[in-house]
Amino acid sequence: MRRTGRATALLVVLGAVLAVLGAGPAQAAGYRYWSFWEGSGSGWTYATQGPSLVRPDDGTVQGFRFSVSEDSQDSAKPRRAPAFTKICADTPAEDGTKRIALVIDPGTTADAPAGETPPALRTACARVDPDASAAEALASVAKPLRYSSDAMLCAITGYPVSGCGEQVSGDGHGTPAASASASPAGSAAATGSGGSGGPSAGVLVGVGAVLLLGIAAVVQARRRRG
């Protein structure tokens, strides 16, 4: 009977460990959206404000990239250098206006929603009023634009046709995010995954706790036997 009790305890421990490990880590989720970038001689910097709030100076470069990313740290940059003199070479300066160079990168087929094909990357030089925002500069050269009710940029030149900041699972399928406008910057934390694909800290702690309980059960069984 004592041996049976010990074997039962070990089986319970083993079953609990396998159950915890079998659950596995959730696949890291990302968000499919248009990210906004500010260009400089050193490259691209993820914008800290939305395009409707940024009022760039004459001679600056603004970038837009459509992609799937977990947060701003791994978001894909526009695939064209922010070269103002090249993009606006055929648009001379005029008094009472400013020129904003734009790089519009719809991304790759891997980032595209199901059934859609991304248009080609393009650049444009927008001539706008001196107090115009980046969003107004974009609207002057890339209509139609589509925004969500909370002012998140959803589509440029009609791409994508539908969807706006939807959450995308690790298998590439998307579901609408509850608060897409705020989620891209913190989605990695929300999923509890650092993107490594291995067990999370919570899973490892849980396994350790189960093993400790199992050891205690075995020790107790041995004491009873003795």
Protein backbone atom coordinates (compact mmCIF):
# COMPACT_ATOMS: atom_id res chain seq x y z
CA MET A 1 0.00 0.00 0.00
CA ARG A 2 2.86 2.34 0.84
CA ARG A 3 4.50 1.67 -2.52
CA THR A 4 1.18 2.25 -4.24
CA GLY A 5 0.80 5.60 -2.48
CA ARG A 6 4.30 6.65 -3.49
CA ALA A 7 3.74 5.66 -7.10
CA THR A 8 0.46 7.55 -7.13
CA ALA A 9 2.16 10.68 -5.82
CA LEU A 10 4.82 10.49 -8.51
CA LEU A 11 2.22 10.03 -11.23
CA VAL A 12 0.32 13.06 -9.97
CA VAL A 13 3.50 15.15 -10.06
CA LEU A 14 4.41 13.94 -13.55
CA GLY A 15 0.92 14.61 -14.85
CA ALA A 16 0.92 18.12 -13.44
CA VAL A 17 4.32 18.92 -14.97
CA LEU A 18 3.25 17.61 -18.37
CA ALA A 19 0.04 19.63 -18.18
CA VAL A 20 1.97 22.84 -17.49
CA LEU A 21 4.50 22.17 -20.25
CA GLY A 22 1.84 21.03 -22.68
CA ALA A 23 0.08 24.34 -22.40
CA GLY A 24 3.15 25.91 -24.04
CA PRO A 25 3.71 29.61 -24.57
CA ALA A 26 1.14 31.58 -26.54
CA GLN A 27 2.37 32.65 -29.94
CA ALA A 28 3.47 36.25 -29.94
CA ALA A 29 0.84 38.53 -31.42
CA GLY A 30 1.43 41.63 -33.46
CA TYR A 31 -0.66 44.36 -35.03
CA ARG A 32 -1.12 45.13 -38.71
CA TYR A 33 -1.04 48.89 -39.13
CA TRP A 34 0.52 51.93 -40.80
CA SER A 35 3.44 53.16 -38.69
CA PHE A 36 4.63 56.76 -38.89
CA TRP A 37 8.30 57.74 -39.15
CA GLU A 38 10.39 60.89 -39.21
CA GLY A 39 13.41 60.97 -41.49
CA SER A 40 16.83 62.52 -41.02
CA GLY A 41 20.31 62.18 -42.44
CA SER A 42 20.93 59.19 -40.18
CA GLY A 43 17.81 57.29 -41.20
CA TRP A 44 14.34 56.77 -39.77
CA THR A 45 13.03 57.41 -36.27
CA TYR A 46 9.67 56.10 -35.03
CA ALA A 47 7.44 59.14 -34.51
CA THR A 48 6.29 59.81 -30.96
CA GLN A 49 3.16 61.65 -32.14
CA GLY A 50 0.56 60.91 -34.77
CA PRO A 51 0.73 62.55 -38.22
CA SER A 52 -2.20 64.83 -37.41
CA LEU A 53 -0.21 66.37 -34.55
CA VAL A 54 3.18 66.71 -36.23
CA ARG A 55 3.72 69.94 -38.17
CA PRO A 56 6.99 69.38 -40.02
CA ASP A 57 9.20 72.16 -41.26
CA ASP A 58 10.02 72.80 -44.89
CA GLY A 59 12.63 70.32 -46.12
CA THR A 60 11.72 67.45 -43.82
CA VAL A 61 10.89 63.84 -44.71
CA GLN A 62 7.99 61.83 -43.30
CA GLY A 63 7.62 58.09 -43.76
CA PHE A 64 4.70 55.65 -43.58
CA ARG A 65 5.16 51.87 -43.48
CA PHE A 66 2.46 49.18 -43.44
CA SER A 67 3.56 46.03 -41.62
CA VAL A 68 2.86 43.58 -38.82
CA SER A 69 4.82 44.26 -35.66
CA GLU A 70 4.61 43.59 -31.94
CA ASP A 71 5.57 47.12 -30.90
CA SER A 72 7.48 50.22 -31.96
CA GLN A 73 10.81 48.52 -31.16
CA ASP A 74 10.45 45.90 -33.90
CA SER A 75 8.29 47.87 -36.32
CA ALA A 76 9.55 47.76 -39.91
CA LYS A 77 11.00 51.00 -41.25
CA PRO A 78 10.24 52.44 -44.69
CA ARG A 79 12.42 50.71 -47.29
CA ARG A 80 13.62 53.91 -48.93
CA ALA A 81 16.16 56.40 -47.61
CA PRO A 82 14.78 59.75 -46.39
CA ALA A 83 16.42 61.81 -49.15
CA PHE A 84 14.60 65.14 -49.38
CA THR A 85 16.70 66.58 -52.18
CA LYS A 86 16.00 63.57 -54.37
CA ILE A 87 12.29 63.25 -53.62
CA CYS A 88 11.58 66.96 -54.03
CA ALA A 89 14.10 67.62 -56.81
CA ASP A 90 11.34 68.57 -59.28
CA THR A 91 9.34 70.67 -56.80
CA PRO A 92 10.94 74.10 -56.40
CA ALA A 93 10.40 76.17 -53.28
CA GLU A 94 7.67 78.81 -53.35
CA ASP A 95 6.94 81.67 -50.96
CA GLY A 96 4.08 81.03 -48.58
CA THR A 97 4.37 77.24 -48.81
CA LYS A 98 6.56 74.43 -47.52
CA ARG A 99 7.66 71.16 -49.10
CA ILE A 100 7.40 67.85 -47.27
CA ALA A 101 8.98 64.74 -48.79
CA LEU A 102 6.95 61.57 -48.20
CA VAL A 103 7.93 57.92 -48.41
CA ILE A 104 4.86 55.67 -48.59
CA ASP A 105 5.75 52.00 -48.17
CA PRO A 106 2.77 49.57 -48.25
CA GLY A 107 5.02 46.72 -47.13
CA THR A 108 5.28 43.16 -48.38
CA THR A 109 2.80 40.43 -49.25
CA ALA A 110 3.63 38.77 -45.93
CA ASP A 111 2.18 41.80 -44.13
CA ALA A 112 -0.85 42.18 -46.41
CA PRO A 113 -4.34 41.23 -45.21
CA ALA A 114 -5.80 38.08 -46.75
CA GLY A 115 -6.87 38.60 -50.36
CA GLU A 116 -5.02 41.90 -50.81
CA THR A 117 -1.82 42.78 -52.65
CA PRO A 118 0.22 45.76 -51.47
CA PRO A 119 0.76 48.51 -54.05
CA ALA A 120 4.28 49.56 -54.96
CA LEU A 121 6.38 51.71 -52.67
CA ARG A 122 6.36 55.31 -53.80
CA THR A 123 7.62 58.75 -52.86
CA ALA A 124 5.97 62.14 -53.26
CA CYS A 125 6.74 65.77 -52.58
CA ALA A 126 3.84 67.62 -50.99
CA ARG A 127 3.62 71.39 -51.30
CA VAL A 128 1.38 72.61 -48.47
CA ASP A 129 0.63 75.62 -46.28
CA PRO A 130 3.32 76.54 -43.74
CA ASP A 131 1.20 75.37 -40.80
CA ALA A 132 0.05 72.09 -42.40
CA SER A 133 0.40 68.83 -40.49
CA ALA A 134 2.04 65.66 -41.77
CA ALA A 135 -1.45 64.19 -42.18
CA GLU A 136 -2.47 67.12 -44.39
CA ALA A 137 0.69 66.73 -46.46
CA LEU A 138 -0.09 63.04 -46.90
CA ALA A 139 -3.70 63.76 -47.86
CA SER A 140 -2.54 66.16 -50.58
CA VAL A 141 -0.70 63.40 -52.46
CA ALA A 142 -2.15 60.04 -51.34
CA LYS A 143 -5.94 60.15 -51.23
CA PRO A 144 -8.12 58.46 -50.23
CA LEU A 145 -7.07 58.16 -46.61
CA ARG A 146 -9.13 56.24 -44.08
CA TYR A 147 -9.13 56.84 -40.33
CA SER A 148 -10.75 55.04 -37.40
CA SER A 149 -13.12 56.75 -34.99
CA ASP A 150 -10.19 57.41 -32.64
CA ALA A 151 -8.09 59.02 -35.40
CA MET A 152 -5.84 56.04 -36.12
CA LEU A 153 -4.60 56.01 -39.72
CA CYS A 154 -6.11 52.89 -41.30
CA ALA A 155 -5.48 53.20 -45.06
CA ILE A 156 -3.40 55.23 -47.50
CA THR A 157 -4.57 55.52 -51.10
CA GLY A 158 -7.26 53.01 -50.19
CA TYR A 159 -4.86 50.34 -48.91
CA PRO A 160 -5.81 48.19 -47.16
CA VAL A 161 -9.44 48.07 -48.21
CA SER A 162 -10.63 47.12 -44.73
CA GLY A 163 -9.31 46.60 -41.24
CA CYS A 164 -7.51 48.95 -38.90
CA GLY A 165 -4.78 47.92 -36.50
CA GLU A 166 -6.14 44.40 -36.17
CA GLN A 167 -4.30 41.97 -33.95
CA VAL A 168 -2.50 39.22 -35.84
CA SER A 169 -1.60 35.89 -34.26
CA GLY A 170 1.65 34.03 -34.85
CA ASP A 171 0.08 32.09 -37.73
CA GLY A 172 -0.62 35.29 -39.67
CA HIS A 173 -4.39 35.39 -39.12
CA GLY A 174 -5.89 38.59 -37.85
CA THR A 175 -8.67 39.46 -35.46
CA PRO A 176 -9.85 42.97 -34.56
CA ALA A 177 -8.00 44.43 -31.60
CA ALA A 178 -10.03 45.91 -28.76
CA SER A 179 -7.95 49.08 -28.66
CA ALA A 180 -5.78 48.99 -31.73
CA SER A 181 -4.75 52.63 -31.59
CA ALA A 182 -2.89 52.10 -28.32
CA SER A 183 -1.97 48.43 -28.58
CA PRO A 184 0.90 48.30 -31.11
CA ALA A 185 3.34 49.91 -28.67
CA GLY A 186 2.60 47.44 -25.88
CA SER A 187 1.44 44.26 -27.52
CA ALA A 188 4.53 42.26 -26.57
CA ALA A 189 3.88 42.96 -22.91
CA ALA A 190 0.22 42.17 -23.31
CA THR A 191 0.94 38.72 -24.73
CA GLY A 192 3.49 37.95 -22.07
CA SER A 193 6.05 36.90 -24.67
CA GLY A 194 9.38 38.35 -25.58
CA GLY A 195 9.22 36.73 -28.99
CA SER A 196 11.82 34.04 -28.29
CA GLY A 197 9.38 31.15 -28.68
CA GLY A 198 10.52 29.50 -25.42
CA PRO A 199 8.62 29.06 -22.16
CA SER A 200 7.76 32.30 -20.42
CA ALA A 201 8.95 33.12 -16.93
CA GLY A 202 5.48 32.41 -15.57
CA VAL A 203 5.50 28.89 -17.03
CA LEU A 204 8.92 28.13 -15.59
CA VAL A 205 7.91 29.37 -12.16
CA GLY A 206 4.79 27.22 -12.33
CA VAL A 207 6.84 24.15 -13.24
CA GLY A 208 9.20 24.84 -10.36
CA ALA A 209 6.32 25.12 -7.91
CA VAL A 210 4.83 21.84 -9.11
CA LEU A 211 8.19 20.06 -8.75
CA LEU A 212 8.62 21.38 -5.20
CA LEU A 213 5.18 20.12 -4.27
CA GLY A 214 6.03 16.75 -5.80
CA ILE A 215 9.27 16.47 -3.86
CA ALA A 216 7.43 17.29 -0.65
CA ALA A 217 4.87 14.58 -1.40
CA VAL A 218 7.59 11.99 -2.00
CA VAL A 219 9.41 12.95 1.20
CA GLN A 220 6.20 12.66 3.17
CA ALA A 221 5.50 9.23 1.65
CA ARG A 222 8.98 8.04 2.66
CA ARG A 223 8.50 9.26 6.22
CA ARG A 224 5.23 7.36 6.50
CA ARG A 225 6.93 4.26 5.15
CA GLY A 226 9.65 4.60 7.73
